[in-house]
């Protein structure tokens, strides 16, 4: 007799296990809660905050560059109009 795998492995990742039919006041107590579970909404929220931080950093760099350009203007080039007639 040999074992043959007929399909992909199936793995459940339980989030919460309740003592009754539903959670809340009428169902029953929470028997188990996965401490490592991160909801998709939390993941999306973190990604959104990272993108917002990236944009704020870009805007700050742009204003800093503008201030630097205003405080350190370019010198007039004496050869700028050399080839103009």
PDB file of N, CA and C in Angstrom:
ATOM      1  N   UNK A   1       0.838  -1.164   0.000  1.00  0.00           N
ATOM      2  CA  UNK A   1       0.000   0.000   0.000  1.00  0.00           C
ATOM      3  C   UNK A   1       0.896   1.245   0.000  1.00  0.00           C
ATOM      4  N   UNK A   2       0.589   2.208  -0.872  1.00  0.00           N
ATOM      5  CA  UNK A   2       1.365   3.445  -0.954  1.00  0.00           C
ATOM      6  C   UNK A   2       0.435   4.641  -0.797  1.00  0.00           C
ATOM      7  N   UNK A   3       0.995   5.717  -0.342  1.00  0.00           N
ATOM      8  CA  UNK A   3       0.233   6.955  -0.199  1.00  0.00           C
ATOM      9  C   UNK A   3       0.495   7.843  -1.406  1.00  0.00           C
ATOM     10  N   UNK A   4      -0.566   8.425  -1.909  1.00  0.00           N
ATOM     11  CA  UNK A   4      -0.451   9.309  -3.057  1.00  0.00           C
ATOM     12  C   UNK A   4      -1.096  10.641  -2.690  1.00  0.00           C
ATOM     13  N   UNK A   5      -0.384  11.720  -2.953  1.00  0.00           N
ATOM     14  CA  UNK A   5      -0.945  13.040  -2.689  1.00  0.00           C
ATOM     15  C   UNK A   5      -1.850  13.414  -3.857  1.00  0.00           C
ATOM     16  N   UNK A   6      -3.088  13.758  -3.558  1.00  0.00           N
ATOM     17  CA  UNK A   6      -4.059  14.020  -4.617  1.00  0.00           C
ATOM     18  C   UNK A   6      -4.252  15.511  -4.890  1.00  0.00           C
ATOM     19  N   UNK A   7      -3.665  16.352  -4.114  1.00  0.00           N
ATOM     20  CA  UNK A   7      -3.851  17.783  -4.338  1.00  0.00           C
ATOM     21  C   UNK A   7      -2.950  18.598  -3.439  1.00  0.00           C
ATOM     22  N   UNK A   8      -3.110  19.887  -3.507  1.00  0.00           N
ATOM     23  CA  UNK A   8      -2.275  20.733  -2.653  1.00  0.00           C
ATOM     24  C   UNK A   8      -2.646  20.568  -1.187  1.00  0.00           C
ATOM     25  N   UNK A   9      -1.711  20.865  -0.354  1.00  0.00           N
ATOM     26  CA  UNK A   9      -1.974  20.765   1.083  1.00  0.00           C
ATOM     27  C   UNK A   9      -2.927  21.866   1.503  1.00  0.00           C
ATOM     28  N   UNK A  10      -3.722  21.567   2.480  1.00  0.00           N
ATOM     29  CA  UNK A  10      -4.724  22.501   2.974  1.00  0.00           C
ATOM     30  C   UNK A  10      -4.399  22.804   4.422  1.00  0.00           C
ATOM     31  N   UNK A  11      -4.185  24.060   4.730  1.00  0.00           N
ATOM     32  CA  UNK A  11      -3.790  24.444   6.081  1.00  0.00           C
ATOM     33  C   UNK A  11      -4.726  25.537   6.576  1.00  0.00           C
ATOM     34  N   UNK A  12      -5.312  25.332   7.741  1.00  0.00           N
ATOM     35  CA  UNK A  12      -6.184  26.336   8.336  1.00  0.00           C
ATOM     36  C   UNK A  12      -5.395  27.175   9.326  1.00  0.00           C
ATOM     37  N   UNK A  13      -5.677  28.430   9.331  1.00  0.00           N
ATOM     38  CA  UNK A  13      -5.056  29.340  10.282  1.00  0.00           C
ATOM     39  C   UNK A  13      -6.174  29.944  11.124  1.00  0.00           C
ATOM     40  N   UNK A  14      -6.516  29.324  12.266  1.00  0.00           N
ATOM     41  CA  UNK A  14      -7.639  29.827  13.059  1.00  0.00           C
ATOM     42  C   UNK A  14      -7.340  31.201  13.652  1.00  0.00           C
ATOM     43  N   UNK A  15      -8.346  32.067  13.597  1.00  0.00           N
ATOM     44  CA  UNK A  15      -8.211  33.411  14.140  1.00  0.00           C
ATOM     45  C   UNK A  15      -8.799  33.453  15.542  1.00  0.00           C
ATOM     46  N   UNK A  16     -10.055  33.021  15.668  1.00  0.00           N
ATOM     47  CA  UNK A  16     -10.716  32.963  16.973  1.00  0.00           C
ATOM     48  C   UNK A  16     -11.564  31.705  17.049  1.00  0.00           C
ATOM     49  N   UNK A  17     -11.669  31.158  18.232  1.00  0.00           N
ATOM     50  CA  UNK A  17     -12.564  30.029  18.480  1.00  0.00           C
ATOM     51  C   UNK A  17     -13.487  30.451  19.619  1.00  0.00           C
ATOM     52  N   UNK A  18     -14.783  30.429  19.329  1.00  0.00           N
ATOM     53  CA  UNK A  18     -15.778  30.848  20.311  1.00  0.00           C
ATOM     54  C   UNK A  18     -16.384  29.636  21.006  1.00  0.00           C
ATOM     55  N   UNK A  19     -16.896  29.852  22.205  1.00  0.00           N
ATOM     56  CA  UNK A  19     -17.514  28.785  22.977  1.00  0.00           C
ATOM     57  C   UNK A  19     -18.933  28.488  22.536  1.00  0.00           C
ATOM     58  N   UNK A  20     -19.569  29.403  21.821  1.00  0.00           N
ATOM     59  CA  UNK A  20     -20.943  29.206  21.366  1.00  0.00           C
ATOM     60  C   UNK A  20     -21.036  29.336  19.861  1.00  0.00           C
ATOM     61  N   UNK A  21     -22.257  29.577  19.382  1.00  0.00           N
ATOM     62  CA  UNK A  21     -22.480  29.686  17.946  1.00  0.00           C
ATOM     63  C   UNK A  21     -21.835  30.932  17.361  1.00  0.00           C
ATOM     64  N   UNK A  22     -21.994  32.051  18.026  1.00  0.00           N
ATOM     65  CA  UNK A  22     -21.447  33.314  17.544  1.00  0.00           C
ATOM     66  C   UNK A  22     -20.715  33.999  18.682  1.00  0.00           C
ATOM     67  N   UNK A  23     -19.847  34.930  18.330  1.00  0.00           N
ATOM     68  CA  UNK A  23     -19.153  35.699  19.355  1.00  0.00           C
ATOM     69  C   UNK A  23     -20.050  36.790  19.897  1.00  0.00           C
ATOM     70  N   UNK A  24     -19.647  37.405  20.957  1.00  0.00           N
ATOM     71  CA  UNK A  24     -20.431  38.491  21.520  1.00  0.00           C
ATOM     72  C   UNK A  24     -21.122  38.077  22.795  1.00  0.00           C
ATOM     73  N   UNK A  25     -22.163  38.806  23.157  1.00  0.00           N
ATOM     74  CA  UNK A  25     -22.824  38.587  24.446  1.00  0.00           C
ATOM     75  C   UNK A  25     -23.691  37.332  24.471  1.00  0.00           C
ATOM     76  N   UNK A  26     -24.281  36.938  23.349  1.00  0.00           N
ATOM     77  CA  UNK A  26     -25.201  35.799  23.359  1.00  0.00           C
ATOM     78  C   UNK A  26     -24.553  34.494  22.928  1.00  0.00           C
ATOM     79  N   UNK A  27     -23.337  34.528  22.422  1.00  0.00           N
ATOM     80  CA  UNK A  27     -22.711  33.318  21.912  1.00  0.00           C
ATOM     81  C   UNK A  27     -21.988  32.527  22.967  1.00  0.00           C
ATOM     82  N   UNK A  28     -20.949  33.051  23.444  1.00  0.00           N
ATOM     83  CA  UNK A  28     -20.150  32.361  24.438  1.00  0.00           C
ATOM     84  C   UNK A  28     -18.795  33.012  24.538  1.00  0.00           C
ATOM     85  N   UNK A  29     -17.989  32.546  25.435  1.00  0.00           N
ATOM     86  CA  UNK A  29     -16.674  33.161  25.616  1.00  0.00           C
ATOM     87  C   UNK A  29     -15.718  32.800  24.475  1.00  0.00           C
ATOM     88  N   UNK A  30     -14.713  33.613  24.308  1.00  0.00           N
ATOM     89  CA  UNK A  30     -13.670  33.323  23.331  1.00  0.00           C
ATOM     90  C   UNK A  30     -12.724  32.309  23.950  1.00  0.00           C
ATOM     91  N   UNK A  31     -12.629  31.140  23.327  1.00  0.00           N
ATOM     92  CA  UNK A  31     -11.775  30.080  23.852  1.00  0.00           C
ATOM     93  C   UNK A  31     -10.324  30.235  23.396  1.00  0.00           C
ATOM     94  N   UNK A  32     -10.144  30.729  22.174  1.00  0.00           N
ATOM     95  CA  UNK A  32      -8.796  30.873  21.626  1.00  0.00           C
ATOM     96  C   UNK A  32      -8.770  32.091  20.715  1.00  0.00           C
ATOM     97  N   UNK A  33      -7.671  32.841  20.774  1.00  0.00           N
ATOM     98  CA  UNK A  33      -7.462  33.964  19.869  1.00  0.00           C
ATOM     99  C   UNK A  33      -6.011  33.938  19.419  1.00  0.00           C
ATOM    100  N   UNK A  34      -5.800  33.943  18.119  1.00  0.00           N
ATOM    101  CA  UNK A  34      -4.460  33.878  17.552  1.00  0.00           C
ATOM    102  C   UNK A  34      -3.750  35.215  17.791  1.00  0.00           C
ATOM    103  N   UNK A  35      -2.671  35.230  18.572  1.00  0.00           N
ATOM    104  CA  UNK A  35      -1.992  36.500  18.866  1.00  0.00           C
ATOM    105  C   UNK A  35      -1.167  37.028  17.692  1.00  0.00           C
ATOM    106  N   UNK A  36      -0.891  36.197  16.694  1.00  0.00           N
ATOM    107  CA  UNK A  36      -0.054  36.602  15.568  1.00  0.00           C
ATOM    108  C   UNK A  36      -0.856  37.027  14.348  1.00  0.00           C
ATOM    109  N   UNK A  37      -2.177  36.980  14.446  1.00  0.00           N
ATOM    110  CA  UNK A  37      -3.019  37.335  13.305  1.00  0.00           C
ATOM    111  C   UNK A  37      -3.021  38.851  13.108  1.00  0.00           C
ATOM    112  N   UNK A  38      -2.785  39.284  11.878  1.00  0.00           N
ATOM    113  CA  UNK A  38      -2.861  40.696  11.513  1.00  0.00           C
ATOM    114  C   UNK A  38      -3.922  40.805  10.427  1.00  0.00           C
ATOM    115  N   UNK A  39      -4.926  41.622  10.668  1.00  0.00           N
ATOM    116  CA  UNK A  39      -6.031  41.721   9.719  1.00  0.00           C
ATOM    117  C   UNK A  39      -5.576  42.432   8.445  1.00  0.00           C
ATOM    118  N   UNK A  40      -6.212  42.131   7.318  1.00  0.00           N
ATOM    119  CA  UNK A  40      -5.870  42.807   6.066  1.00  0.00           C
ATOM    120  C   UNK A  40      -6.066  44.323   6.149  1.00  0.00           C
ATOM    121  N   UNK A  41      -7.045  44.776   6.937  1.00  0.00           N
ATOM    122  CA  UNK A  41      -7.256  46.219   7.090  1.00  0.00           C
ATOM    123  C   UNK A  41      -6.059  46.883   7.760  1.00  0.00           C
ATOM    124  N   UNK A  42      -5.476  46.216   8.753  1.00  0.00           N
ATOM    125  CA  UNK A  42      -4.295  46.769   9.416  1.00  0.00           C
ATOM    126  C   UNK A  42      -3.108  46.828   8.456  1.00  0.00           C
ATOM    127  N   UNK A  43      -2.961  45.812   7.626  1.00  0.00           N
ATOM    128  CA  UNK A  43      -1.868  45.785   6.652  1.00  0.00           C
ATOM    129  C   UNK A  43      -2.032  46.926   5.656  1.00  0.00           C
ATOM    130  N   UNK A  44      -3.258  47.105   5.135  1.00  0.00           N
ATOM    131  CA  UNK A  44      -3.521  48.197   4.195  1.00  0.00           C
ATOM    132  C   UNK A  44      -3.284  49.557   4.851  1.00  0.00           C
ATOM    133  N   UNK A  45      -3.681  49.698   6.101  1.00  0.00           N
ATOM    134  CA  UNK A  45      -3.491  50.955   6.823  1.00  0.00           C
ATOM    135  C   UNK A  45      -2.004  51.286   6.968  1.00  0.00           C
ATOM    136  N   UNK A  46      -1.200  50.291   7.311  1.00  0.00           N
ATOM    137  CA  UNK A  46       0.243  50.509   7.444  1.00  0.00           C
ATOM    138  C   UNK A  46       0.874  50.897   6.109  1.00  0.00           C
ATOM    139  N   UNK A  47       0.455  50.236   5.027  1.00  0.00           N
ATOM    140  CA  UNK A  47       0.982  50.567   3.707  1.00  0.00           C
ATOM    141  C   UNK A  47       0.619  51.995   3.322  1.00  0.00           C
ATOM    142  N   UNK A  48      -0.604  52.393   3.635  1.00  0.00           N
ATOM    143  CA  UNK A  48      -1.062  53.743   3.317  1.00  0.00           C
ATOM    144  C   UNK A  48      -0.262  54.784   4.100  1.00  0.00           C
ATOM    145  N   UNK A  49       0.018  54.503   5.374  1.00  0.00           N
ATOM    146  CA  UNK A  49       0.808  55.424   6.190  1.00  0.00           C
ATOM    147  C   UNK A  49       2.238  55.531   5.665  1.00  0.00           C
ATOM    148  N   UNK A  50       2.796  54.419   5.204  1.00  0.00           N
ATOM    149  CA  UNK A  50       4.150  54.448   4.664  1.00  0.00           C
ATOM    150  C   UNK A  50       4.203  55.282   3.389  1.00  0.00           C
ATOM    151  N   UNK A  51       3.185  55.125   2.536  1.00  0.00           N
ATOM    152  CA  UNK A  51       3.141  55.919   1.313  1.00  0.00           C
ATOM    153  C   UNK A  51       2.973  57.397   1.632  1.00  0.00           C
ATOM    154  N   UNK A  52       2.155  57.712   2.623  1.00  0.00           N
ATOM    155  CA  UNK A  52       1.959  59.111   3.015  1.00  0.00           C
ATOM    156  C   UNK A  52       3.261  59.692   3.552  1.00  0.00           C
ATOM    157  N   UNK A  53       3.986  58.925   4.327  1.00  0.00           N
ATOM    158  CA  UNK A  53       5.272  59.380   4.847  1.00  0.00           C
ATOM    159  C   UNK A  53       6.278  59.611   3.736  1.00  0.00           C
ATOM    160  N   UNK A  54       6.240  58.765   2.730  1.00  0.00           N
ATOM    161  CA  UNK A  54       7.136  58.891   1.591  1.00  0.00           C
ATOM    162  C   UNK A  54       6.838  60.188   0.837  1.00  0.00           C
ATOM    163  N   UNK A  55       5.556  60.495   0.654  1.00  0.00           N
ATOM    164  CA  UNK A  55       5.157  61.714  -0.046  1.00  0.00           C
ATOM    165  C   UNK A  55       5.553  62.950   0.762  1.00  0.00           C
ATOM    166  N   UNK A  56       5.325  62.916   2.069  1.00  0.00           N
ATOM    167  CA  UNK A  56       5.683  64.052   2.925  1.00  0.00           C
ATOM    168  C   UNK A  56       7.190  64.303   2.876  1.00  0.00           C
ATOM    169  N   UNK A  57       7.968  63.236   2.844  1.00  0.00           N
ATOM    170  CA  UNK A  57       9.421  63.360   2.764  1.00  0.00           C
ATOM    171  C   UNK A  57       9.833  64.018   1.445  1.00  0.00           C
ATOM    172  N   UNK A  58       9.152  63.637   0.358  1.00  0.00           N
ATOM    173  CA  UNK A  58       9.449  64.203  -0.951  1.00  0.00           C
ATOM    174  C   UNK A  58       9.122  65.699  -0.989  1.00  0.00           C
ATOM    175  N   UNK A  59       7.978  66.091  -0.425  1.00  0.00           N
ATOM    176  CA  UNK A  59       7.580  67.502  -0.397  1.00  0.00           C
ATOM    177  C   UNK A  59       8.555  68.309   0.447  1.00  0.00           C
ATOM    178  N   UNK A  60       8.967  67.752   1.573  1.00  0.00           N
ATOM    179  CA  UNK A  60       9.916  68.437   2.451  1.00  0.00           C
ATOM    180  C   UNK A  60      11.253  68.645   1.740  1.00  0.00           C
ATOM    181  N   UNK A  61      11.720  67.636   1.016  1.00  0.00           N
ATOM    182  CA  UNK A  61      12.977  67.747   0.280  1.00  0.00           C
ATOM    183  C   UNK A  61      12.870  68.803  -0.814  1.00  0.00           C
ATOM    184  N   UNK A  62      11.716  68.885  -1.453  1.00  0.00           N
ATOM    185  CA  UNK A  62      11.513  69.861  -2.523  1.00  0.00           C
ATOM    186  C   UNK A  62      11.573  71.286  -1.971  1.00  0.00           C
ATOM    187  N   UNK A  63      10.924  71.526  -0.839  1.00  0.00           N
ATOM    188  CA  UNK A  63      10.961  72.864  -0.247  1.00  0.00           C
ATOM    189  C   UNK A  63      12.361  73.198   0.265  1.00  0.00           C
ATOM    190  N   UNK A  64      13.045  72.209   0.816  1.00  0.00           N
ATOM    191  CA  UNK A  64      14.408  72.434   1.295  1.00  0.00           C
ATOM    192  C   UNK A  64      15.331  72.795   0.123  1.00  0.00           C
ATOM    193  N   UNK A  65      15.157  72.133  -1.014  1.00  0.00           N
ATOM    194  CA  UNK A  65      15.958  72.416  -2.203  1.00  0.00           C
ATOM    195  C   UNK A  65      15.668  73.825  -2.725  1.00  0.00           C
ATOM    196  N   UNK A  66      14.397  74.215  -2.710  1.00  0.00           N
ATOM    197  CA  UNK A  66      14.013  75.545  -3.174  1.00  0.00           C
ATOM    198  C   UNK A  66      14.647  76.622  -2.286  1.00  0.00           C
ATOM    199  N   UNK A  67      14.622  76.409  -0.971  1.00  0.00           N
ATOM    200  CA  UNK A  67      15.233  77.363  -0.042  1.00  0.00           C
ATOM    201  C   UNK A  67      16.744  77.449  -0.269  1.00  0.00           C
ATOM    202  N   UNK A  68      17.372  76.327  -0.550  1.00  0.00           N
ATOM    203  CA  UNK A  68      18.811  76.304  -0.820  1.00  0.00           C
ATOM    204  C   UNK A  68      19.119  77.088  -2.091  1.00  0.00           C
ATOM    205  N   UNK A  69      18.308  76.909  -3.127  1.00  0.00           N
ATOM    206  CA  UNK A  69      18.525  77.626  -4.380  1.00  0.00           C
ATOM    207  C   UNK A  69      18.345  79.129  -4.192  1.00  0.00           C
ATOM    208  N   UNK A  70      17.379  79.537  -3.376  1.00  0.00           N
ATOM    209  CA  UNK A  70      17.161  80.964  -3.141  1.00  0.00           C
ATOM    210  C   UNK A  70      18.287  81.579  -2.313  1.00  0.00           C
ATOM    211  N   UNK A  71      18.822  80.840  -1.372  1.00  0.00           N
ATOM    212  CA  UNK A  71      19.893  81.379  -0.533  1.00  0.00           C
ATOM    213  C   UNK A  71      21.261  81.326  -1.216  1.00  0.00           C
ATOM    214  N   UNK A  72      21.420  80.466  -2.211  1.00  0.00           N
ATOM    215  CA  UNK A  72      22.688  80.342  -2.946  1.00  0.00           C
ATOM    216  C   UNK A  72      22.431  80.491  -4.443  1.00  0.00           C
ATOM    217  N   UNK A  73      22.226  81.721  -4.915  1.00  0.00           N
ATOM    218  CA  UNK A  73      21.932  81.889  -6.349  1.00  0.00           C
ATOM    219  C   UNK A  73      23.172  81.607  -7.197  1.00  0.00           C
ATOM    220  N   UNK A  74      22.938  81.250  -8.455  1.00  0.00           N
ATOM    221  CA  UNK A  74      24.039  80.993  -9.376  1.00  0.00           C
ATOM    222  C   UNK A  74      24.706  82.308  -9.760  1.00  0.00           C
ATOM    223  N   UNK A  75      26.003  82.245  -9.932  1.00  0.00           N
ATOM    224  CA  UNK A  75      26.736  83.428 -10.365  1.00  0.00           C
ATOM    225  C   UNK A  75      26.487  83.643 -11.852  1.00  0.00           C
ATOM    226  N   UNK A  76      26.569  84.901 -12.267  1.00  0.00           N
ATOM    227  CA  UNK A  76      26.383  85.218 -13.682  1.00  0.00           C
ATOM    228  C   UNK A  76      27.599  84.719 -14.438  1.00  0.00           C
ATOM    229  N   UNK A  77      27.358  83.963 -15.494  1.00  0.00           N
ATOM    230  CA  UNK A  77      28.446  83.399 -16.286  1.00  0.00           C
ATOM    231  C   UNK A  77      28.905  84.436 -17.303  1.00  0.00           C
ATOM    232  N   UNK A  78      30.188  84.753 -17.286  1.00  0.00           N
ATOM    233  CA  UNK A  78      30.699  85.775 -18.205  1.00  0.00           C
ATOM    234  C   UNK A  78      30.739  85.292 -19.651  1.00  0.00           C
ATOM    235  N   UNK A  79      30.702  83.977 -19.854  1.00  0.00           N
ATOM    236  CA  UNK A  79      30.745  83.437 -21.211  1.00  0.00           C
ATOM    237  C   UNK A  79      29.372  83.015 -21.719  1.00  0.00           C
ATOM    238  N   UNK A  80      28.315  83.345 -21.013  1.00  0.00           N
ATOM    239  CA  UNK A  80      26.975  82.901 -21.384  1.00  0.00           C
ATOM    240  C   UNK A  80      26.533  83.466 -22.727  1.00  0.00           C
ATOM    241  N   UNK A  81      26.906  84.712 -23.025  1.00  0.00           N
ATOM    242  CA  UNK A  81      26.467  85.322 -24.289  1.00  0.00           C
ATOM    243  C   UNK A  81      27.594  85.400 -25.311  1.00  0.00           C
ATOM    244  N   UNK A  82      28.569  84.551 -25.190  1.00  0.00           N
ATOM    245  CA  UNK A  82      29.724  84.574 -26.079  1.00  0.00           C
ATOM    246  C   UNK A  82      29.351  84.268 -27.527  1.00  0.00           C
ATOM    247  N   UNK A  83      28.456  83.329 -27.770  1.00  0.00           N
ATOM    248  CA  UNK A  83      28.123  82.900 -29.128  1.00  0.00           C
ATOM    249  C   UNK A  83      26.883  83.589 -29.668  1.00  0.00           C
ATOM    250  N   UNK A  84      26.266  84.441 -28.870  1.00  0.00           N
ATOM    251  CA  UNK A  84      25.096  85.170 -29.359  1.00  0.00           C
ATOM    252  C   UNK A  84      25.558  86.353 -30.191  1.00  0.00           C
ATOM    253  N   UNK A  85      24.820  86.662 -31.223  1.00  0.00           N
ATOM    254  CA  UNK A  85      25.191  87.791 -32.079  1.00  0.00           C
ATOM    255  C   UNK A  85      24.167  88.871 -32.000  1.00  0.00           C
TER     256      UNK A  85
END
